[in-house]
Amino acid sequence: MYQFSGNNEAKADNKGRLFVPALYRKPLEKAGEETLYLELDERSKCVKLYPGSVWKKMDEELRQRTNRWDENDMKFYRQFTSRFEPVELDSAGRVLIPKRHLDKIEVETEALFVGVSDYFEIWNRDNFNRSLLNEEEYAKEKQARMGNN
């Protein structure tokens, strides 16, 4: 199981390739994961990258709860799976993010990788900062969710 955390800056080259920070790349390489599954999150304006094993587990869990003969189940499942694209981690540790996705998340050259448990996200730094709680809200949420532990 992966435990991605922290954040790291990266630069996109003119082809849309981003060098995956070592903090995220090394566990993937150690596990032999070459394929990541990309999901564009248009509401948050970020790209999510799931290791292949994490994607397969999510897909299997959803597939088991999907009735193939139920039209609404299949509409949702089809929409869910159609939003993911496999991308390869190349030998230099880069991933190619399609330009249409970089445009939607407003990344030209500067990108921010953010670890979120078993996957990581790619953001425009300004959009990421706007997505966060302010410090007072964060402190209240942390207390409410974590208590005295």
N, C-alpha and C. Protein backbone atom coordinates (compact mmCIF):
# COMPACT_ATOMS: atom_id res chain seq x y z
N MET A 1 0.85 -1.19 0.00
CA MET A 1 0.00 0.00 0.00
C MET A 1 0.89 1.24 0.00
N TYR A 2 0.46 2.24 -0.70
CA TYR A 2 1.22 3.49 -0.81
C TYR A 2 0.77 4.48 0.25
N GLN A 3 1.69 5.36 0.62
CA GLN A 3 1.37 6.45 1.53
C GLN A 3 2.08 7.70 1.02
N PHE A 4 1.47 8.34 0.03
CA PHE A 4 2.04 9.56 -0.54
C PHE A 4 1.63 10.75 0.32
N SER A 5 2.57 11.63 0.60
CA SER A 5 2.27 12.85 1.36
C SER A 5 3.24 13.94 0.92
N GLY A 6 3.06 15.12 1.47
CA GLY A 6 3.93 16.24 1.14
C GLY A 6 3.59 16.86 -0.19
N ASN A 7 4.41 17.85 -0.56
CA ASN A 7 4.24 18.48 -1.87
C ASN A 7 5.59 18.88 -2.42
N ASN A 8 5.71 18.83 -3.72
CA ASN A 8 6.96 19.11 -4.42
C ASN A 8 6.68 19.83 -5.72
N GLU A 9 7.52 20.79 -6.04
CA GLU A 9 7.38 21.51 -7.30
C GLU A 9 8.07 20.75 -8.42
N ALA A 10 7.55 20.92 -9.62
CA ALA A 10 8.13 20.31 -10.81
C ALA A 10 7.88 21.24 -11.99
N LYS A 11 8.66 21.04 -13.04
CA LYS A 11 8.50 21.83 -14.25
C LYS A 11 8.06 20.92 -15.39
N ALA A 12 7.13 21.43 -16.19
CA ALA A 12 6.71 20.71 -17.39
C ALA A 12 7.59 21.17 -18.55
N ASP A 13 8.01 20.22 -19.38
CA ASP A 13 8.76 20.62 -20.56
C ASP A 13 7.78 20.99 -21.67
N ASN A 14 8.30 21.36 -22.83
CA ASN A 14 7.42 21.83 -23.91
C ASN A 14 6.55 20.72 -24.50
N LYS A 15 6.80 19.46 -24.13
CA LYS A 15 5.97 18.35 -24.59
C LYS A 15 4.93 17.95 -23.54
N GLY A 16 4.93 18.62 -22.38
CA GLY A 16 3.97 18.29 -21.33
C GLY A 16 4.43 17.20 -20.39
N ARG A 17 5.73 16.87 -20.45
CA ARG A 17 6.26 15.85 -19.55
C ARG A 17 6.65 16.49 -18.23
N LEU A 18 6.29 15.81 -17.15
CA LEU A 18 6.64 16.28 -15.81
C LEU A 18 7.50 15.22 -15.13
N PHE A 19 8.57 15.66 -14.50
CA PHE A 19 9.43 14.76 -13.76
C PHE A 19 8.76 14.47 -12.41
N VAL A 20 8.42 13.21 -12.17
CA VAL A 20 7.76 12.83 -10.93
C VAL A 20 8.78 12.91 -9.81
N PRO A 21 8.51 13.70 -8.75
CA PRO A 21 9.46 13.83 -7.66
C PRO A 21 9.83 12.47 -7.05
N ALA A 22 11.09 12.35 -6.61
CA ALA A 22 11.60 11.09 -6.05
C ALA A 22 10.73 10.58 -4.91
N LEU A 23 10.18 11.48 -4.12
CA LEU A 23 9.33 11.11 -3.00
C LEU A 23 8.17 10.20 -3.44
N TYR A 24 7.67 10.40 -4.65
CA TYR A 24 6.57 9.61 -5.19
C TYR A 24 7.08 8.52 -6.15
N ARG A 25 8.12 8.86 -6.90
CA ARG A 25 8.63 7.95 -7.93
C ARG A 25 9.29 6.70 -7.34
N LYS A 26 10.08 6.86 -6.29
CA LYS A 26 10.83 5.71 -5.75
C LYS A 26 9.94 4.58 -5.27
N PRO A 27 8.86 4.85 -4.51
CA PRO A 27 7.98 3.73 -4.12
C PRO A 27 7.34 3.04 -5.34
N LEU A 28 7.03 3.83 -6.38
CA LEU A 28 6.44 3.25 -7.59
C LEU A 28 7.46 2.32 -8.27
N GLU A 29 8.70 2.80 -8.40
CA GLU A 29 9.74 2.00 -9.04
C GLU A 29 10.01 0.73 -8.23
N LYS A 30 10.07 0.87 -6.91
CA LYS A 30 10.32 -0.28 -6.04
C LYS A 30 9.25 -1.35 -6.22
N ALA A 31 8.01 -0.92 -6.41
CA ALA A 31 6.89 -1.86 -6.58
C ALA A 31 6.73 -2.32 -8.04
N GLY A 32 7.56 -1.81 -8.94
CA GLY A 32 7.46 -2.20 -10.35
C GLY A 32 6.28 -1.58 -11.07
N GLU A 33 5.77 -0.47 -10.54
CA GLU A 33 4.62 0.22 -11.17
C GLU A 33 5.15 1.14 -12.26
N GLU A 34 4.79 0.84 -13.50
CA GLU A 34 5.18 1.69 -14.61
C GLU A 34 4.01 2.48 -15.15
N THR A 35 2.80 1.97 -14.91
CA THR A 35 1.60 2.63 -15.42
C THR A 35 0.85 3.31 -14.29
N LEU A 36 0.52 4.57 -14.53
CA LEU A 36 -0.33 5.34 -13.62
C LEU A 36 -1.63 5.61 -14.34
N TYR A 37 -2.69 5.82 -13.58
CA TYR A 37 -3.99 6.14 -14.17
C TYR A 37 -4.33 7.58 -13.83
N LEU A 38 -4.50 8.37 -14.88
CA LEU A 38 -4.73 9.80 -14.76
C LEU A 38 -6.22 10.08 -14.77
N GLU A 39 -6.64 10.92 -13.84
CA GLU A 39 -8.03 11.39 -13.81
C GLU A 39 -8.00 12.91 -13.72
N LEU A 40 -8.70 13.57 -14.62
CA LEU A 40 -8.84 15.02 -14.56
C LEU A 40 -9.96 15.36 -13.60
N ASP A 41 -9.66 16.17 -12.60
CA ASP A 41 -10.68 16.65 -11.65
C ASP A 41 -10.96 18.11 -12.01
N GLU A 42 -11.97 18.32 -12.85
CA GLU A 42 -12.25 19.67 -13.34
C GLU A 42 -12.79 20.58 -12.25
N ARG A 43 -13.50 20.02 -11.28
CA ARG A 43 -14.04 20.86 -10.19
C ARG A 43 -12.91 21.44 -9.36
N SER A 44 -11.91 20.64 -9.03
CA SER A 44 -10.80 21.11 -8.21
C SER A 44 -9.68 21.73 -9.05
N LYS A 45 -9.70 21.51 -10.33
CA LYS A 45 -8.66 21.97 -11.25
C LYS A 45 -7.32 21.32 -10.93
N CYS A 46 -7.34 19.98 -10.87
CA CYS A 46 -6.09 19.24 -10.69
C CYS A 46 -6.18 17.94 -11.47
N VAL A 47 -5.05 17.28 -11.62
CA VAL A 47 -4.97 15.96 -12.22
C VAL A 47 -4.59 15.01 -11.10
N LYS A 48 -5.29 13.88 -11.02
CA LYS A 48 -4.98 12.85 -10.02
C LYS A 48 -4.28 11.70 -10.74
N LEU A 49 -3.21 11.20 -10.12
CA LEU A 49 -2.48 10.07 -10.68
C LEU A 49 -2.49 8.92 -9.67
N TYR A 50 -3.08 7.80 -10.09
CA TYR A 50 -3.20 6.62 -9.25
C TYR A 50 -2.23 5.54 -9.74
N PRO A 51 -1.47 4.91 -8.85
CA PRO A 51 -0.68 3.75 -9.28
C PRO A 51 -1.62 2.70 -9.87
N GLY A 52 -1.12 1.93 -10.83
CA GLY A 52 -1.94 0.93 -11.48
C GLY A 52 -2.63 -0.02 -10.52
N SER A 53 -1.93 -0.45 -9.48
CA SER A 53 -2.53 -1.39 -8.52
C SER A 53 -3.68 -0.74 -7.75
N VAL A 54 -3.58 0.54 -7.45
CA VAL A 54 -4.65 1.26 -6.75
C VAL A 54 -5.86 1.40 -7.67
N TRP A 55 -5.59 1.78 -8.93
CA TRP A 55 -6.68 1.91 -9.91
C TRP A 55 -7.40 0.58 -10.08
N LYS A 56 -6.65 -0.51 -10.22
CA LYS A 56 -7.27 -1.82 -10.43
C LYS A 56 -8.14 -2.21 -9.25
N LYS A 57 -7.71 -1.89 -8.04
CA LYS A 57 -8.51 -2.20 -6.85
C LYS A 57 -9.80 -1.37 -6.85
N MET A 58 -9.70 -0.07 -7.15
CA MET A 58 -10.91 0.78 -7.22
C MET A 58 -11.88 0.24 -8.27
N ASP A 59 -11.35 -0.08 -9.44
CA ASP A 59 -12.18 -0.57 -10.52
C ASP A 59 -12.85 -1.88 -10.14
N GLU A 60 -12.10 -2.79 -9.54
CA GLU A 60 -12.67 -4.09 -9.13
C GLU A 60 -13.77 -3.91 -8.10
N GLU A 61 -13.54 -3.03 -7.11
CA GLU A 61 -14.56 -2.80 -6.08
C GLU A 61 -15.83 -2.22 -6.68
N LEU A 62 -15.69 -1.27 -7.59
CA LEU A 62 -16.87 -0.68 -8.22
C LEU A 62 -17.56 -1.69 -9.13
N ARG A 63 -16.78 -2.46 -9.87
CA ARG A 63 -17.35 -3.45 -10.78
C ARG A 63 -18.18 -4.49 -10.01
N GLN A 64 -17.70 -4.87 -8.83
CA GLN A 64 -18.44 -5.84 -8.02
C GLN A 64 -19.78 -5.30 -7.54
N ARG A 65 -19.88 -3.98 -7.40
CA ARG A 65 -21.14 -3.36 -6.95
C ARG A 65 -22.01 -2.91 -8.12
N THR A 66 -21.56 -3.18 -9.34
CA THR A 66 -22.29 -2.74 -10.52
C THR A 66 -23.07 -3.90 -11.12
N ASN A 67 -24.34 -3.67 -11.33
CA ASN A 67 -25.19 -4.66 -12.00
C ASN A 67 -25.12 -4.36 -13.49
N ARG A 68 -24.52 -5.26 -14.25
CA ARG A 68 -24.35 -5.06 -15.69
C ARG A 68 -25.67 -4.92 -16.44
N TRP A 69 -26.74 -5.36 -15.83
CA TRP A 69 -28.04 -5.33 -16.50
C TRP A 69 -28.88 -4.13 -16.07
N ASP A 70 -28.31 -3.30 -15.21
CA ASP A 70 -29.02 -2.10 -14.77
C ASP A 70 -28.48 -0.91 -15.55
N GLU A 71 -29.38 -0.23 -16.26
CA GLU A 71 -28.95 0.86 -17.14
C GLU A 71 -28.23 1.98 -16.39
N ASN A 72 -28.75 2.40 -15.23
CA ASN A 72 -28.09 3.48 -14.48
C ASN A 72 -26.74 3.04 -13.92
N ASP A 73 -26.66 1.81 -13.44
CA ASP A 73 -25.37 1.30 -12.98
C ASP A 73 -24.34 1.37 -14.10
N MET A 74 -24.72 0.93 -15.28
CA MET A 74 -23.79 0.91 -16.41
C MET A 74 -23.45 2.32 -16.90
N LYS A 75 -24.40 3.23 -16.85
CA LYS A 75 -24.10 4.62 -17.22
C LYS A 75 -23.02 5.18 -16.29
N PHE A 76 -23.20 4.95 -14.99
CA PHE A 76 -22.21 5.46 -14.04
C PHE A 76 -20.87 4.77 -14.24
N TYR A 77 -20.87 3.45 -14.34
CA TYR A 77 -19.61 2.71 -14.49
C TYR A 77 -18.87 3.13 -15.76
N ARG A 78 -19.60 3.27 -16.84
CA ARG A 78 -19.01 3.70 -18.11
C ARG A 78 -18.41 5.09 -17.98
N GLN A 79 -19.15 6.00 -17.34
CA GLN A 79 -18.64 7.36 -17.16
C GLN A 79 -17.41 7.35 -16.26
N PHE A 80 -17.45 6.55 -15.21
CA PHE A 80 -16.32 6.45 -14.29
C PHE A 80 -15.06 5.97 -15.02
N THR A 81 -15.17 4.84 -15.71
CA THR A 81 -13.98 4.28 -16.36
C THR A 81 -13.49 5.13 -17.53
N SER A 82 -14.39 5.85 -18.18
CA SER A 82 -13.97 6.66 -19.32
C SER A 82 -13.18 7.89 -18.91
N ARG A 83 -13.18 8.22 -17.64
CA ARG A 83 -12.47 9.42 -17.17
C ARG A 83 -11.02 9.15 -16.78
N PHE A 84 -10.61 7.91 -16.86
CA PHE A 84 -9.24 7.54 -16.50
C PHE A 84 -8.46 7.19 -17.75
N GLU A 85 -7.20 7.63 -17.79
CA GLU A 85 -6.31 7.33 -18.91
C GLU A 85 -5.02 6.76 -18.36
N PRO A 86 -4.53 5.66 -18.93
CA PRO A 86 -3.23 5.17 -18.49
C PRO A 86 -2.11 6.07 -19.05
N VAL A 87 -1.14 6.36 -18.20
CA VAL A 87 0.06 7.09 -18.62
C VAL A 87 1.26 6.31 -18.08
N GLU A 88 2.33 6.33 -18.84
CA GLU A 88 3.51 5.55 -18.48
C GLU A 88 4.55 6.43 -17.80
N LEU A 89 5.18 5.87 -16.80
CA LEU A 89 6.34 6.49 -16.17
C LEU A 89 7.52 6.09 -17.04
N ASP A 90 8.18 7.06 -17.69
CA ASP A 90 9.27 6.71 -18.61
C ASP A 90 10.56 6.42 -17.84
N SER A 91 11.59 6.01 -18.56
CA SER A 91 12.85 5.61 -17.92
C SER A 91 13.55 6.76 -17.20
N ALA A 92 13.18 8.00 -17.54
CA ALA A 92 13.75 9.17 -16.86
C ALA A 92 12.90 9.61 -15.68
N GLY A 93 11.81 8.88 -15.39
CA GLY A 93 10.95 9.22 -14.26
C GLY A 93 9.95 10.31 -14.54
N ARG A 94 9.58 10.47 -15.83
CA ARG A 94 8.62 11.50 -16.21
C ARG A 94 7.31 10.87 -16.64
N VAL A 95 6.25 11.66 -16.54
CA VAL A 95 4.95 11.27 -17.11
C VAL A 95 4.53 12.35 -18.10
N LEU A 96 3.90 11.92 -19.16
CA LEU A 96 3.39 12.84 -20.16
C LEU A 96 1.93 13.12 -19.83
N ILE A 97 1.65 14.38 -19.51
CA ILE A 97 0.28 14.81 -19.21
C ILE A 97 -0.25 15.48 -20.48
N PRO A 98 -1.35 15.00 -21.03
CA PRO A 98 -1.88 15.62 -22.25
C PRO A 98 -2.10 17.13 -22.08
N LYS A 99 -1.76 17.86 -23.13
CA LYS A 99 -1.86 19.32 -23.08
C LYS A 99 -3.27 19.78 -22.73
N ARG A 100 -4.29 19.08 -23.21
CA ARG A 100 -5.67 19.48 -22.90
C ARG A 100 -5.92 19.46 -21.39
N HIS A 101 -5.27 18.55 -20.68
CA HIS A 101 -5.42 18.49 -19.22
C HIS A 101 -4.61 19.60 -18.55
N LEU A 102 -3.39 19.80 -19.02
CA LEU A 102 -2.58 20.88 -18.44
C LEU A 102 -3.27 22.22 -18.62
N ASP A 103 -3.90 22.43 -19.77
CA ASP A 103 -4.64 23.68 -20.00
C ASP A 103 -5.79 23.83 -19.01
N LYS A 104 -6.53 22.75 -18.76
CA LYS A 104 -7.68 22.83 -17.85
C LYS A 104 -7.28 23.06 -16.40
N ILE A 105 -6.09 22.60 -16.01
CA ILE A 105 -5.65 22.83 -14.63
C ILE A 105 -4.72 24.03 -14.53
N GLU A 106 -4.56 24.73 -15.65
CA GLU A 106 -3.80 25.99 -15.71
C GLU A 106 -2.33 25.81 -15.36
N VAL A 107 -1.75 24.71 -15.84
CA VAL A 107 -0.31 24.49 -15.67
C VAL A 107 0.36 24.72 -17.01
N GLU A 108 1.27 25.68 -17.03
CA GLU A 108 2.05 25.94 -18.24
C GLU A 108 3.42 25.29 -18.09
N THR A 109 4.21 25.75 -17.14
CA THR A 109 5.52 25.13 -16.90
C THR A 109 5.70 24.73 -15.44
N GLU A 110 5.18 25.53 -14.51
CA GLU A 110 5.33 25.25 -13.08
C GLU A 110 4.17 24.40 -12.58
N ALA A 111 4.49 23.30 -11.92
CA ALA A 111 3.45 22.41 -11.39
C ALA A 111 3.79 22.07 -9.94
N LEU A 112 2.78 21.66 -9.22
CA LEU A 112 2.94 21.25 -7.83
C LEU A 112 2.38 19.85 -7.68
N PHE A 113 3.20 18.91 -7.23
CA PHE A 113 2.75 17.55 -6.92
C PHE A 113 2.36 17.52 -5.45
N VAL A 114 1.20 16.94 -5.15
CA VAL A 114 0.69 16.86 -3.78
C VAL A 114 0.29 15.41 -3.49
N GLY A 115 0.88 14.83 -2.44
CA GLY A 115 0.55 13.47 -2.06
C GLY A 115 -0.75 13.41 -1.28
N VAL A 116 -1.62 12.45 -1.63
CA VAL A 116 -2.92 12.30 -0.98
C VAL A 116 -3.14 10.81 -0.71
N SER A 117 -2.45 10.29 0.29
CA SER A 117 -2.60 8.89 0.70
C SER A 117 -2.11 7.94 -0.39
N ASP A 118 -3.02 7.25 -1.10
CA ASP A 118 -2.58 6.24 -2.06
C ASP A 118 -2.52 6.74 -3.51
N TYR A 119 -2.60 8.06 -3.71
CA TYR A 119 -2.43 8.66 -5.02
C TYR A 119 -1.82 10.04 -4.83
N PHE A 120 -1.46 10.70 -5.93
CA PHE A 120 -0.98 12.08 -5.83
C PHE A 120 -1.62 12.93 -6.92
N GLU A 121 -1.57 14.23 -6.70
CA GLU A 121 -2.23 15.18 -7.58
C GLU A 121 -1.22 16.15 -8.17
N ILE A 122 -1.58 16.73 -9.31
CA ILE A 122 -0.78 17.77 -9.95
C ILE A 122 -1.64 19.02 -10.01
N TRP A 123 -1.09 20.13 -9.52
CA TRP A 123 -1.82 21.39 -9.40
C TRP A 123 -1.02 22.56 -9.97
N ASN A 124 -1.72 23.61 -10.29
CA ASN A 124 -1.17 24.95 -10.40
C ASN A 124 -1.08 25.43 -8.95
N ARG A 125 0.08 25.95 -8.53
CA ARG A 125 0.27 26.31 -7.12
C ARG A 125 -0.79 27.28 -6.61
N ASP A 126 -1.13 28.29 -7.39
CA ASP A 126 -2.14 29.26 -6.95
C ASP A 126 -3.49 28.60 -6.73
N ASN A 127 -3.90 27.72 -7.64
CA ASN A 127 -5.17 27.02 -7.48
C ASN A 127 -5.14 26.12 -6.24
N PHE A 128 -4.00 25.47 -6.00
CA PHE A 128 -3.89 24.62 -4.81
C PHE A 128 -4.04 25.46 -3.55
N ASN A 129 -3.35 26.58 -3.48
CA ASN A 129 -3.42 27.43 -2.29
C ASN A 129 -4.84 27.93 -2.05
N ARG A 130 -5.55 28.27 -3.13
CA ARG A 130 -6.94 28.71 -2.98
C ARG A 130 -7.86 27.59 -2.52
N SER A 131 -7.49 26.35 -2.77
CA SER A 131 -8.34 25.21 -2.41
C SER A 131 -8.26 24.85 -0.92
N LEU A 132 -7.27 25.40 -0.23
CA LEU A 132 -7.04 25.02 1.17
C LEU A 132 -7.91 25.81 2.14
N LEU A 133 -8.13 25.23 3.30
CA LEU A 133 -8.77 25.95 4.40
C LEU A 133 -7.80 27.02 4.89
N ASN A 134 -8.32 28.10 5.50
CA ASN A 134 -7.40 29.03 6.13
C ASN A 134 -6.89 28.36 7.41
N GLU A 135 -5.86 28.92 8.03
CA GLU A 135 -5.22 28.28 9.17
C GLU A 135 -6.17 28.06 10.36
N GLU A 136 -7.05 29.00 10.60
CA GLU A 136 -8.00 28.86 11.71
C GLU A 136 -8.98 27.71 11.43
N GLU A 137 -9.51 27.67 10.20
CA GLU A 137 -10.42 26.58 9.83
C GLU A 137 -9.72 25.22 9.90
N TYR A 138 -8.46 25.20 9.44
CA TYR A 138 -7.69 23.96 9.47
C TYR A 138 -7.50 23.48 10.91
N ALA A 139 -7.15 24.38 11.79
CA ALA A 139 -6.94 24.02 13.20
C ALA A 139 -8.22 23.45 13.81
N LYS A 140 -9.37 24.06 13.52
CA LYS A 140 -10.65 23.57 14.03
C LYS A 140 -10.97 22.19 13.48
N GLU A 141 -10.78 22.01 12.18
CA GLU A 141 -11.05 20.71 11.56
C GLU A 141 -10.11 19.63 12.10
N LYS A 142 -8.85 19.99 12.28
CA LYS A 142 -7.88 19.02 12.80
C LYS A 142 -8.30 18.57 14.19
N GLN A 143 -8.69 19.52 15.05
CA GLN A 143 -9.15 19.19 16.41
C GLN A 143 -10.40 18.32 16.37
N ALA A 144 -11.36 18.69 15.51
CA ALA A 144 -12.60 17.93 15.43
C ALA A 144 -12.39 16.51 14.91
N ARG A 145 -11.50 16.36 13.96
CA ARG A 145 -11.30 15.05 13.33
C ARG A 145 -10.30 14.18 14.06
N MET A 146 -9.33 14.80 14.73
CA MET A 146 -8.28 14.02 15.37
C MET A 146 -8.36 14.02 16.89
N GLY A 147 -9.16 14.93 17.42
CA GLY A 147 -9.36 14.98 18.86
C GLY A 147 -8.07 15.17 19.64
N ASN A 148 -7.96 14.48 20.72
CA ASN A 148 -6.76 14.62 21.57
C ASN A 148 -5.67 13.62 21.22
N ASN A 149 -5.84 12.90 20.13
CA ASN A 149 -4.84 11.89 19.75
C ASN A 149 -3.69 12.50 19.01
